[in-house]
Amino acid sequence: MVSKKCEVDETLFGTRSKKKDAEEEKRIVGEVREGKTNQTDVVMLGESELQRMKNNAIITTKEE
């Protein structure tokens, strides 16, 4: 028998649409660029800084 009262966290199944996620991301990026946000967990990096971080993250063995 299946329970008549079922509670599931819908976020586990990715029910948000990609369009809504993209719109939310665009809104947040716009606010950050304009300095209109108080979100402390948002950081903007330039492309060169991101590439530098990626290059430093490559792990090589002694032989390589």
Protein backbone atom coordinates (compact mmCIF):
# COMPACT_ATOMS: atom_id res chain seq x y z
CA MET A 1 0.00 0.00 0.00
CA VAL A 2 1.23 3.50 -0.82
CA SER A 3 0.87 6.12 1.86
CA LYS A 4 -1.99 8.54 1.33
CA LYS A 5 0.13 11.32 2.84
CA CYS A 6 3.34 11.60 0.85
CA GLU A 7 5.87 14.37 1.45
CA VAL A 8 8.79 14.63 -0.94
CA ASP A 9 11.36 17.36 -1.35
CA GLU A 10 10.73 18.21 -5.00
CA THR A 11 14.13 19.88 -5.34
CA LEU A 12 15.66 16.39 -5.30
CA PHE A 13 14.19 15.75 -8.73
CA GLY A 14 15.26 18.94 -10.47
CA THR A 15 11.75 20.19 -11.12
CA ARG A 16 12.91 23.74 -11.85
CA SER A 17 13.16 24.46 -15.52
CA LYS A 18 16.45 25.36 -17.11
CA LYS A 19 14.83 28.54 -18.39
CA LYS A 20 13.97 29.66 -14.84
CA ASP A 21 17.49 28.83 -13.66
CA ALA A 22 18.99 30.82 -16.54
CA GLU A 23 16.72 33.78 -15.81
CA GLU A 24 17.65 33.72 -12.11
CA GLU A 25 21.36 33.52 -12.95
CA LYS A 26 21.04 36.44 -15.37
CA ARG A 27 19.25 38.51 -12.73
CA ILE A 28 21.90 37.80 -10.07
CA VAL A 29 24.79 38.54 -12.44
CA GLY A 30 23.16 41.83 -13.41
CA GLU A 31 22.74 42.83 -9.77
CA VAL A 32 26.37 41.97 -8.97
CA ARG A 33 27.70 43.93 -11.95
CA GLU A 34 25.67 46.97 -10.92
CA GLY A 35 26.66 46.65 -7.26
CA LYS A 36 23.01 46.26 -6.24
CA THR A 37 23.32 43.04 -4.28
CA ASN A 38 24.13 42.15 -0.72
CA GLN A 39 24.84 38.50 -1.47
CA THR A 40 28.13 37.70 0.23
CA ASP A 41 28.49 34.32 -1.47
CA VAL A 42 28.82 35.77 -4.99
CA VAL A 43 32.22 36.45 -6.51
CA MET A 44 32.97 37.53 -10.07
CA LEU A 45 36.20 36.38 -11.70
CA GLY A 46 37.70 37.53 -14.93
CA GLU A 47 38.30 34.96 -17.63
CA SER A 48 42.09 35.16 -17.22
CA GLU A 49 41.84 34.57 -13.46
CA LEU A 50 39.57 31.57 -14.01
CA GLN A 51 41.98 30.12 -16.58
CA ARG A 52 44.90 30.64 -14.18
CA MET A 53 43.02 28.74 -11.47
CA LYS A 54 42.21 25.90 -13.88
CA ASN A 55 45.84 25.64 -14.95
CA ASN A 56 47.02 25.51 -11.33
CA ALA A 57 44.49 22.76 -10.57
CA ILE A 58 46.05 20.27 -12.99
CA ILE A 59 47.80 17.56 -10.99
CA THR A 60 50.78 15.87 -12.56
CA THR A 61 52.93 12.98 -11.39
CA LYS A 62 56.72 13.16 -10.99
CA GLU A 63 57.12 11.35 -14.31
CA GLU A 64 54.98 13.89 -16.15
